[in-house]
Amino acid sequence: MTLTLTLAQVYAYSEMEQMVRECTCNDAQTPSEMLMREIAKGTFTVEFSAIMAIVWKRIKDKTNEHHAYKCLVLLTLTLALALALALALTQPYP
């Protein structure tokens, strides 16, 4: 059993919260685009507040610069997808 899995069980993180924690972990690799897209889709559901709570908590983390950087990358992709969806929804129907 890994430490991440154990923490998820102790704190009872939802699947979406676990994905955000995985995406914004403190390793030096860039987050997976597929994972970020899944999280971005989750922001259009009831999971929005849970996702943003973890994102804001990690952005404010002063002990690890990878958390803040990865959160900003995630937010950038989320905003880009939201903009694309908003534009698609506002296009006039033929």
PDB file of N, CA and C in Angstrom:
ATOM      1  N   MET A   1       0.843  -1.170   0.000  1.00  0.00           N
ATOM      2  CA  MET A   1       0.000   0.000   0.000  1.00  0.00           C
ATOM      3  C   MET A   1       0.895   1.242   0.000  1.00  0.00           C
ATOM      4  N   THR A   2       0.619   2.167  -0.892  1.00  0.00           N
ATOM      5  CA  THR A   2       1.455   3.362  -0.993  1.00  0.00           C
ATOM      6  C   THR A   2       0.989   4.427  -0.010  1.00  0.00           C
ATOM      7  N   LEU A   3       1.858   5.373   0.236  1.00  0.00           N
ATOM      8  CA  LEU A   3       1.540   6.465   1.146  1.00  0.00           C
ATOM      9  C   LEU A   3       0.391   7.300   0.606  1.00  0.00           C
ATOM     10  N   THR A   4       0.370   7.536  -0.705  1.00  0.00           N
ATOM     11  CA  THR A   4      -0.691   8.332  -1.317  1.00  0.00           C
ATOM     12  C   THR A   4      -2.037   7.663  -1.124  1.00  0.00           C
ATOM     13  N   LEU A   5      -2.093   6.358  -1.348  1.00  0.00           N
ATOM     14  CA  LEU A   5      -3.332   5.615  -1.179  1.00  0.00           C
ATOM     15  C   LEU A   5      -3.776   5.648   0.273  1.00  0.00           C
ATOM     16  N   THR A   6      -2.844   5.516   1.188  1.00  0.00           N
ATOM     17  CA  THR A   6      -3.170   5.549   2.608  1.00  0.00           C
ATOM     18  C   THR A   6      -3.718   6.909   3.011  1.00  0.00           C
ATOM     19  N   LEU A   7      -3.100   7.991   2.550  1.00  0.00           N
ATOM     20  CA  LEU A   7      -3.600   9.329   2.856  1.00  0.00           C
ATOM     21  C   LEU A   7      -4.990   9.540   2.292  1.00  0.00           C
ATOM     22  N   ALA A   8      -5.243   9.025   1.090  1.00  0.00           N
ATOM     23  CA  ALA A   8      -6.558   9.164   0.471  1.00  0.00           C
ATOM     24  C   ALA A   8      -7.617   8.456   1.303  1.00  0.00           C
ATOM     25  N   GLN A   9      -7.263   7.318   1.873  1.00  0.00           N
ATOM     26  CA  GLN A   9      -8.213   6.588   2.703  1.00  0.00           C
ATOM     27  C   GLN A   9      -8.432   7.294   4.041  1.00  0.00           C
ATOM     28  N   VAL A  10      -7.379   7.795   4.640  1.00  0.00           N
ATOM     29  CA  VAL A  10      -7.489   8.463   5.934  1.00  0.00           C
ATOM     30  C   VAL A  10      -8.310   9.738   5.814  1.00  0.00           C
ATOM     31  N   TYR A  11      -8.017  10.542   4.804  1.00  0.00           N
ATOM     32  CA  TYR A  11      -8.716  11.810   4.636  1.00  0.00           C
ATOM     33  C   TYR A  11      -9.998  11.676   3.827  1.00  0.00           C
ATOM     34  N   ALA A  12     -10.292  10.512   3.325  1.00  0.00           N
ATOM     35  CA  ALA A  12     -11.506  10.223   2.550  1.00  0.00           C
ATOM     36  C   ALA A  12     -11.642  11.167   1.349  1.00  0.00           C
ATOM     37  N   TYR A  13     -10.566  11.290   0.579  1.00  0.00           N
ATOM     38  CA  TYR A  13     -10.613  12.114  -0.621  1.00  0.00           C
ATOM     39  C   TYR A  13     -11.481  11.434  -1.669  1.00  0.00           C
ATOM     40  N   SER A  14     -12.239  12.233  -2.409  1.00  0.00           N
ATOM     41  CA  SER A  14     -13.016  11.693  -3.514  1.00  0.00           C
ATOM     42  C   SER A  14     -12.062  11.351  -4.656  1.00  0.00           C
ATOM     43  N   GLU A  15     -12.580  10.676  -5.658  1.00  0.00           N
ATOM     44  CA  GLU A  15     -11.740  10.314  -6.806  1.00  0.00           C
ATOM     45  C   GLU A  15     -11.199  11.562  -7.503  1.00  0.00           C
ATOM     46  N   MET A  16     -12.032  12.581  -7.628  1.00  0.00           N
ATOM     47  CA  MET A  16     -11.597  13.816  -8.280  1.00  0.00           C
ATOM     48  C   MET A  16     -10.536  14.523  -7.441  1.00  0.00           C
ATOM     49  N   GLU A  17     -10.691  14.550  -6.135  1.00  0.00           N
ATOM     50  CA  GLU A  17      -9.684  15.159  -5.267  1.00  0.00           C
ATOM     51  C   GLU A  17      -8.362  14.407  -5.362  1.00  0.00           C
ATOM     52  N   GLN A  18      -8.425  13.101  -5.459  1.00  0.00           N
ATOM     53  CA  GLN A  18      -7.206  12.310  -5.623  1.00  0.00           C
ATOM     54  C   GLN A  18      -6.518  12.646  -6.944  1.00  0.00           C
ATOM     55  N   MET A  19      -7.322  12.866  -7.999  1.00  0.00           N
ATOM     56  CA  MET A  19      -6.733  13.228  -9.290  1.00  0.00           C
ATOM     57  C   MET A  19      -6.031  14.581  -9.204  1.00  0.00           C
ATOM     58  N   VAL A  20      -6.643  15.547  -8.512  1.00  0.00           N
ATOM     59  CA  VAL A  20      -6.016  16.871  -8.358  1.00  0.00           C
ATOM     60  C   VAL A  20      -4.715  16.746  -7.580  1.00  0.00           C
ATOM     61  N   ARG A  21      -4.722  15.959  -6.518  1.00  0.00           N
ATOM     62  CA  ARG A  21      -3.501  15.766  -5.732  1.00  0.00           C
ATOM     63  C   ARG A  21      -2.415  15.093  -6.572  1.00  0.00           C
ATOM     64  N   GLU A  22      -2.800  14.131  -7.399  1.00  0.00           N
ATOM     65  CA  GLU A  22      -1.828  13.466  -8.278  1.00  0.00           C
ATOM     66  C   GLU A  22      -1.276  14.435  -9.311  1.00  0.00           C
ATOM     67  N   CYS A  23      -2.155  15.240  -9.879  1.00  0.00           N
ATOM     68  CA  CYS A  23      -1.748  16.191 -10.916  1.00  0.00           C
ATOM     69  C   CYS A  23      -0.806  17.256 -10.365  1.00  0.00           C
ATOM     70  N   THR A  24      -1.019  17.659  -9.124  1.00  0.00           N
ATOM     71  CA  THR A  24      -0.227  18.746  -8.530  1.00  0.00           C
ATOM     72  C   THR A  24       0.793  18.238  -7.520  1.00  0.00           C
ATOM     73  N   CYS A  25       1.221  16.991  -7.673  1.00  0.00           N
ATOM     74  CA  CYS A  25       2.190  16.423  -6.731  1.00  0.00           C
ATOM     75  C   CYS A  25       3.530  17.156  -6.831  1.00  0.00           C
ATOM     76  N   ASN A  26       4.423  16.860  -5.924  1.00  0.00           N
ATOM     77  CA  ASN A  26       5.663  17.638  -5.837  1.00  0.00           C
ATOM     78  C   ASN A  26       6.829  17.077  -6.637  1.00  0.00           C
ATOM     79  N   ASP A  27       6.581  16.188  -7.603  1.00  0.00           N
ATOM     80  CA  ASP A  27       7.692  15.749  -8.447  1.00  0.00           C
ATOM     81  C   ASP A  27       7.921  16.774  -9.562  1.00  0.00           C
ATOM     82  N   ALA A  28       9.034  16.664 -10.234  1.00  0.00           N
ATOM     83  CA  ALA A  28       9.425  17.676 -11.216  1.00  0.00           C
ATOM     84  C   ALA A  28       8.783  17.491 -12.592  1.00  0.00           C
ATOM     85  N   GLN A  29       8.108  16.383 -12.818  1.00  0.00           N
ATOM     86  CA  GLN A  29       7.496  16.143 -14.127  1.00  0.00           C
ATOM     87  C   GLN A  29       6.278  17.040 -14.327  1.00  0.00           C
ATOM     88  N   THR A  30       6.037  17.389 -15.585  1.00  0.00           N
ATOM     89  CA  THR A  30       4.835  18.158 -15.882  1.00  0.00           C
ATOM     90  C   THR A  30       3.619  17.250 -15.759  1.00  0.00           C
ATOM     91  N   PRO A  31       2.484  17.798 -15.370  1.00  0.00           N
ATOM     92  CA  PRO A  31       1.288  16.976 -15.200  1.00  0.00           C
ATOM     93  C   PRO A  31       0.797  16.405 -16.524  1.00  0.00           C
ATOM     94  N   SER A  32       0.163  15.271 -16.446  1.00  0.00           N
ATOM     95  CA  SER A  32      -0.394  14.628 -17.629  1.00  0.00           C
ATOM     96  C   SER A  32      -1.541  15.465 -18.183  1.00  0.00           C
ATOM     97  N   GLU A  33      -1.508  15.709 -19.492  1.00  0.00           N
ATOM     98  CA  GLU A  33      -2.576  16.514 -20.101  1.00  0.00           C
ATOM     99  C   GLU A  33      -3.917  15.802 -20.006  1.00  0.00           C
ATOM    100  N   MET A  34      -3.915  14.478 -20.146  1.00  0.00           N
ATOM    101  CA  MET A  34      -5.155  13.717 -20.045  1.00  0.00           C
ATOM    102  C   MET A  34      -5.761  13.873 -18.643  1.00  0.00           C
ATOM    103  N   LEU A  35      -4.916  13.804 -17.627  1.00  0.00           N
ATOM    104  CA  LEU A  35      -5.381  13.967 -16.256  1.00  0.00           C
ATOM    105  C   LEU A  35      -5.918  15.378 -16.033  1.00  0.00           C
ATOM    106  N   MET A  36      -5.222  16.373 -16.557  1.00  0.00           N
ATOM    107  CA  MET A  36      -5.676  17.758 -16.413  1.00  0.00           C
ATOM    108  C   MET A  36      -7.008  17.978 -17.117  1.00  0.00           C
ATOM    109  N   ARG A  37      -7.202  17.354 -18.271  1.00  0.00           N
ATOM    110  CA  ARG A  37      -8.481  17.481 -18.980  1.00  0.00           C
ATOM    111  C   ARG A  37      -9.623  16.865 -18.181  1.00  0.00           C
ATOM    112  N   GLU A  38      -9.378  15.737 -17.536  1.00  0.00           N
ATOM    113  CA  GLU A  38     -10.399  15.100 -16.696  1.00  0.00           C
ATOM    114  C   GLU A  38     -10.766  16.010 -15.522  1.00  0.00           C
ATOM    115  N   ILE A  39      -9.760  16.629 -14.932  1.00  0.00           N
ATOM    116  CA  ILE A  39     -10.008  17.544 -13.817  1.00  0.00           C
ATOM    117  C   ILE A  39     -10.772  18.771 -14.311  1.00  0.00           C
ATOM    118  N   ALA A  40     -10.385  19.286 -15.474  1.00  0.00           N
ATOM    119  CA  ALA A  40     -11.081  20.442 -16.042  1.00  0.00           C
ATOM    120  C   ALA A  40     -12.548  20.122 -16.296  1.00  0.00           C
ATOM    121  N   LYS A  41     -12.824  18.921 -16.793  1.00  0.00           N
ATOM    122  CA  LYS A  41     -14.221  18.510 -16.982  1.00  0.00           C
ATOM    123  C   LYS A  41     -14.950  18.445 -15.645  1.00  0.00           C
ATOM    124  N   GLY A  42     -14.233  18.034 -14.614  1.00  0.00           N
ATOM    125  CA  GLY A  42     -14.822  17.946 -13.281  1.00  0.00           C
ATOM    126  C   GLY A  42     -15.229  19.286 -12.713  1.00  0.00           C
ATOM    127  N   THR A  43     -14.627  20.365 -13.188  1.00  0.00           N
ATOM    128  CA  THR A  43     -14.995  21.693 -12.686  1.00  0.00           C
ATOM    129  C   THR A  43     -16.371  22.120 -13.166  1.00  0.00           C
ATOM    130  N   PHE A  44     -16.927  21.416 -14.127  1.00  0.00           N
ATOM    131  CA  PHE A  44     -18.283  21.716 -14.603  1.00  0.00           C
ATOM    132  C   PHE A  44     -19.320  20.886 -13.857  1.00  0.00           C
ATOM    133  N   THR A  45     -18.921  20.191 -12.804  1.00  0.00           N
ATOM    134  CA  THR A  45     -19.819  19.337 -12.016  1.00  0.00           C
ATOM    135  C   THR A  45     -19.875  19.843 -10.578  1.00  0.00           C
ATOM    136  N   VAL A  46     -20.522  19.062  -9.729  1.00  0.00           N
ATOM    137  CA  VAL A  46     -20.616  19.416  -8.308  1.00  0.00           C
ATOM    138  C   VAL A  46     -19.270  19.304  -7.602  1.00  0.00           C
ATOM    139  N   GLU A  47     -18.263  18.742  -8.265  1.00  0.00           N
ATOM    140  CA  GLU A  47     -16.923  18.586  -7.683  1.00  0.00           C
ATOM    141  C   GLU A  47     -16.117  19.889  -7.710  1.00  0.00           C
ATOM    142  N   PHE A  48     -16.675  20.950  -8.307  1.00  0.00           N
ATOM    143  CA  PHE A  48     -15.935  22.198  -8.486  1.00  0.00           C
ATOM    144  C   PHE A  48     -15.326  22.707  -7.181  1.00  0.00           C
ATOM    145  N   SER A  49     -16.125  22.799  -6.127  1.00  0.00           N
ATOM    146  CA  SER A  49     -15.612  23.367  -4.877  1.00  0.00           C
ATOM    147  C   SER A  49     -14.530  22.486  -4.254  1.00  0.00           C
ATOM    148  N   ALA A  50     -14.660  21.166  -4.375  1.00  0.00           N
ATOM    149  CA  ALA A  50     -13.633  20.259  -3.840  1.00  0.00           C
ATOM    150  C   ALA A  50     -12.326  20.402  -4.623  1.00  0.00           C
ATOM    151  N   ILE A  51     -12.444  20.521  -5.944  1.00  0.00           N
ATOM    152  CA  ILE A  51     -11.257  20.691  -6.798  1.00  0.00           C
ATOM    153  C   ILE A  51     -10.548  21.999  -6.446  1.00  0.00           C
ATOM    154  N   MET A  52     -11.313  23.074  -6.393  1.00  0.00           N
ATOM    155  CA  MET A  52     -10.707  24.379  -6.147  1.00  0.00           C
ATOM    156  C   MET A  52     -10.142  24.489  -4.734  1.00  0.00           C
ATOM    157  N   ALA A  53     -10.735  23.802  -3.772  1.00  0.00           N
ATOM    158  CA  ALA A  53     -10.200  23.843  -2.405  1.00  0.00           C
ATOM    159  C   ALA A  53      -8.780  23.280  -2.374  1.00  0.00           C
ATOM    160  N   ILE A  54      -8.569  22.174  -3.061  1.00  0.00           N
ATOM    161  CA  ILE A  54      -7.221  21.584  -3.086  1.00  0.00           C
ATOM    162  C   ILE A  54      -6.270  22.450  -3.904  1.00  0.00           C
ATOM    163  N   VAL A  55      -6.749  22.984  -5.030  1.00  0.00           N
ATOM    164  CA  VAL A  55      -5.897  23.850  -5.861  1.00  0.00           C
ATOM    165  C   VAL A  55      -5.434  25.061  -5.059  1.00  0.00           C
ATOM    166  N   TRP A  56      -6.347  25.748  -4.378  1.00  0.00           N
ATOM    167  CA  TRP A  56      -5.966  26.948  -3.617  1.00  0.00           C
ATOM    168  C   TRP A  56      -5.047  26.596  -2.459  1.00  0.00           C
ATOM    169  N   LYS A  57      -5.302  25.463  -1.803  1.00  0.00           N
ATOM    170  CA  LYS A  57      -4.438  25.035  -0.705  1.00  0.00           C
ATOM    171  C   LYS A  57      -3.017  24.802  -1.211  1.00  0.00           C
ATOM    172  N   ARG A  58      -2.898  24.185  -2.374  1.00  0.00           N
ATOM    173  CA  ARG A  58      -1.568  23.886  -2.917  1.00  0.00           C
ATOM    174  C   ARG A  58      -0.886  25.123  -3.501  1.00  0.00           C
ATOM    175  N   ILE A  59      -1.655  26.047  -4.023  1.00  0.00           N
ATOM    176  CA  ILE A  59      -1.050  27.291  -4.529  1.00  0.00           C
ATOM    177  C   ILE A  59      -0.410  28.057  -3.374  1.00  0.00           C
ATOM    178  N   LYS A  60      -1.038  28.040  -2.222  1.00  0.00           N
ATOM    179  CA  LYS A  60      -0.523  28.775  -1.061  1.00  0.00           C
ATOM    180  C   LYS A  60       0.614  28.051  -0.350  1.00  0.00           C
ATOM    181  N   ASP A  61       0.933  26.834  -0.779  1.00  0.00           N
ATOM    182  CA  ASP A  61       2.002  26.048  -0.149  1.00  0.00           C
ATOM    183  C   ASP A  61       3.357  26.680  -0.452  1.00  0.00           C
ATOM    184  N   LYS A  62       3.990  27.205   0.562  1.00  0.00           N
ATOM    185  CA  LYS A  62       5.284  27.889   0.386  1.00  0.00           C
ATOM    186  C   LYS A  62       6.465  26.925   0.448  1.00  0.00           C
ATOM    187  N   THR A  63       6.229  25.675   0.851  1.00  0.00           N
ATOM    188  CA  THR A  63       7.328  24.744   1.026  1.00  0.00           C
ATOM    189  C   THR A  63       7.711  24.010  -0.243  1.00  0.00           C
ATOM    190  N   ASN A  64       6.833  24.016  -1.251  1.00  0.00           N
ATOM    191  CA  ASN A  64       7.133  23.276  -2.469  1.00  0.00           C
ATOM    192  C   ASN A  64       6.671  24.061  -3.691  1.00  0.00           C
ATOM    193  N   GLU A  65       7.629  24.534  -4.469  1.00  0.00           N
ATOM    194  CA  GLU A  65       7.300  25.357  -5.646  1.00  0.00           C
ATOM    195  C   GLU A  65       6.598  24.560  -6.742  1.00  0.00           C
ATOM    196  N   HIS A  66       6.757  23.239  -6.743  1.00  0.00           N
ATOM    197  CA  HIS A  66       6.096  22.424  -7.766  1.00  0.00           C
ATOM    198  C   HIS A  66       4.582  22.454  -7.609  1.00  0.00           C
ATOM    199  N   HIS A  67       4.093  22.518  -6.374  1.00  0.00           N
ATOM    200  CA  HIS A  67       2.649  22.569  -6.151  1.00  0.00           C
ATOM    201  C   HIS A  67       2.050  23.793  -6.828  1.00  0.00           C
ATOM    202  N   ALA A  68       2.609  24.955  -6.552  1.00  0.00           N
ATOM    203  CA  ALA A  68       2.068  26.196  -7.118  1.00  0.00           C
ATOM    204  C   ALA A  68       2.170  26.197  -8.639  1.00  0.00           C
ATOM    205  N   TYR A  69       3.309  25.796  -9.169  1.00  0.00           N
ATOM    206  CA  TYR A  69       3.501  25.781 -10.617  1.00  0.00           C
ATOM    207  C   TYR A  69       2.489  24.861 -11.287  1.00  0.00           C
ATOM    208  N   LYS A  70       2.346  23.658 -10.773  1.00  0.00           N
ATOM    209  CA  LYS A  70       1.429  22.699 -11.384  1.00  0.00           C
ATOM    210  C   LYS A  70      -0.022  23.142 -11.254  1.00  0.00           C
ATOM    211  N   CYS A  71      -0.359  23.804 -10.160  1.00  0.00           N
ATOM    212  CA  CYS A  71      -1.712  24.345 -10.024  1.00  0.00           C
ATOM    213  C   CYS A  71      -1.978  25.419 -11.059  1.00  0.00           C
ATOM    214  N   LEU A  72      -1.005  26.271 -11.318  1.00  0.00           N
ATOM    215  CA  LEU A  72      -1.173  27.313 -12.329  1.00  0.00           C
ATOM    216  C   LEU A  72      -1.292  26.715 -13.726  1.00  0.00           C
ATOM    217  N   VAL A  73      -0.541  25.663 -14.008  1.00  0.00           N
ATOM    218  CA  VAL A  73      -0.664  24.964 -15.297  1.00  0.00           C
ATOM    219  C   VAL A  73      -2.062  24.368 -15.416  1.00  0.00           C
ATOM    220  N   LEU A  74      -2.540  23.745 -14.349  1.00  0.00           N
ATOM    221  CA  LEU A  74      -3.879  23.153 -14.345  1.00  0.00           C
ATOM    222  C   LEU A  74      -4.951  24.220 -14.544  1.00  0.00           C
ATOM    223  N   LEU A  75      -4.829  25.339 -13.854  1.00  0.00           N
ATOM    224  CA  LEU A  75      -5.809  26.420 -14.007  1.00  0.00           C
ATOM    225  C   LEU A  75      -5.786  27.011 -15.415  1.00  0.00           C
ATOM    226  N   THR A  76      -4.605  27.111 -16.013  1.00  0.00           N
ATOM    227  CA  THR A  76      -4.498  27.624 -17.385  1.00  0.00           C
ATOM    228  C   THR A  76      -5.249  26.724 -18.352  1.00  0.00           C
ATOM    229  N   LEU A  77      -5.045  25.423 -18.238  1.00  0.00           N
ATOM    230  CA  LEU A  77      -5.739  24.488 -19.117  1.00  0.00           C
ATOM    231  C   LEU A  77      -7.244  24.512 -18.851  1.00  0.00           C
ATOM    232  N   THR A  78      -7.625  24.591 -17.591  1.00  0.00           N
ATOM    233  CA  THR A  78      -9.046  24.627 -17.235  1.00  0.00           C
ATOM    234  C   THR A  78      -9.721  25.861 -17.836  1.00  0.00           C
ATOM    235  N   LEU A  79      -9.072  27.006 -17.742  1.00  0.00           N
ATOM    236  CA  LEU A  79      -9.634  28.226 -18.324  1.00  0.00           C
ATOM    237  C   LEU A  79      -9.717  28.144 -19.847  1.00  0.00           C
ATOM    238  N   ALA A  80      -8.712  27.557 -20.472  1.00  0.00           N
ATOM    239  CA  ALA A  80      -8.728  27.405 -21.930  1.00  0.00           C
ATOM    240  C   ALA A  80      -9.884  26.506 -22.361  1.00  0.00           C
ATOM    241  N   LEU A  81     -10.097  25.412 -21.656  1.00  0.00           N
ATOM    242  CA  LEU A  81     -11.206  24.521 -21.999  1.00  0.00           C
ATOM    243  C   LEU A  81     -12.553  25.176 -21.731  1.00  0.00           C
ATOM    244  N   ALA A  82     -12.638  25.942 -20.639  1.00  0.00           N
ATOM    245  CA  ALA A  82     -13.881  26.640 -20.324  1.00  0.00           C
ATOM    246  C   ALA A  82     -14.206  27.680 -21.387  1.00  0.00           C
ATOM    247  N   LEU A  83     -13.189  28.389 -21.854  1.00  0.00           N
ATOM    248  CA  LEU A  83     -13.394  29.380 -22.903  1.00  0.00           C
ATOM    249  C   LEU A  83     -13.874  28.715 -24.184  1.00  0.00           C
ATOM    250  N   ALA A  84     -13.259  27.606 -24.546  1.00  0.00           N
ATOM    251  CA  ALA A  84     -13.674  26.885 -25.746  1.00  0.00           C
ATOM    252  C   ALA A  84     -15.116  26.408 -25.623  1.00  0.00           C
ATOM    253  N   LEU A  85     -15.488  25.918 -24.458  1.00  0.00           N
ATOM    254  CA  LEU A  85     -16.862  25.464 -24.250  1.00  0.00           C
ATOM    255  C   LEU A  85     -17.832  26.635 -24.295  1.00  0.00           C
ATOM    256  N   ALA A  86     -17.465  27.744 -23.669  1.00  0.00           N
ATOM    257  CA  ALA A  86     -18.336  28.918 -23.676  1.00  0.00           C
ATOM    258  C   ALA A  86     -18.537  29.436 -25.099  1.00  0.00           C
ATOM    259  N   LEU A  87     -17.475  29.458 -25.893  1.00  0.00           N
ATOM    260  CA  LEU A  87     -17.609  29.910 -27.276  1.00  0.00           C
ATOM    261  C   LEU A  87     -18.481  28.969 -28.081  1.00  0.00           C
ATOM    262  N   ALA A  88     -18.336  27.687 -27.853  1.00  0.00           N
ATOM    263  CA  ALA A  88     -19.154  26.710 -28.572  1.00  0.00           C
ATOM    264  C   ALA A  88     -20.626  26.846 -28.206  1.00  0.00           C
ATOM    265  N   LEU A  89     -20.903  27.148 -26.957  1.00  0.00           N
ATOM    266  CA  LEU A  89     -22.283  27.278 -26.513  1.00  0.00           C
ATOM    267  C   LEU A  89     -22.937  28.577 -26.967  1.00  0.00           C
ATOM    268  N   THR A  90     -22.136  29.600 -27.236  1.00  0.00           N
ATOM    269  CA  THR A  90     -22.711  30.884 -27.652  1.00  0.00           C
ATOM    270  C   THR A  90     -22.806  31.069 -29.141  1.00  0.00           C
ATOM    271  N   GLN A  91     -22.320  30.117 -29.899  1.00  0.00           N
ATOM    272  CA  GLN A  91     -22.417  30.211 -31.367  1.00  0.00           C
ATOM    273  C   GLN A  91     -23.880  30.083 -31.763  1.00  0.00           C
ATOM    274  N   PRO A  92     -24.301  30.883 -32.722  1.00  0.00           N
ATOM    275  CA  PRO A  92     -25.691  30.767 -33.174  1.00  0.00           C
ATOM    276  C   PRO A  92     -25.930  29.432 -33.880  1.00  0.00           C
ATOM    277  N   TYR A  93     -27.108  28.899 -33.667  1.00  0.00           N
ATOM    278  CA  TYR A  93     -27.446  27.635 -34.316  1.00  0.00           C
ATOM    279  C   TYR A  93     -27.733  27.874 -35.790  1.00  0.00           C
ATOM    280  N   PRO A  94     -27.317  26.940 -36.663  1.00  0.00           N
ATOM    281  CA  PRO A  94     -27.556  27.145 -38.111  1.00  0.00           C
ATOM    282  C   PRO A  94     -29.006  27.025 -38.480  1.00  0.00           C
TER     283      PRO A  94
END
